């Protein structure tokens, strides 16, 4: 199993109660949308995340694999105070 770091951006804000579904990802709320960052176990897990986002009615704007040096960002607190 090859774990990769991903950054997924959607238009709009993911409701706080729904963020629990994305427990291995950190959410960063931006004015134009929400960025999810973190480690994803494999392509099947990535597809599952994308399907959950689609099920929430959120528009996917970007998905990218990020370098390991950037992935440390996922360990920060999920929401700024």
Foldseek 3Di string as FASTA:
>chain_A
DDKFKKKWWWFAEDDPVLCVVVVQWAWEQDPGTIITIGIADDPVSVVVVVVVCVVVVIGTDDMDTDDPVVRVVRVDHRYDD
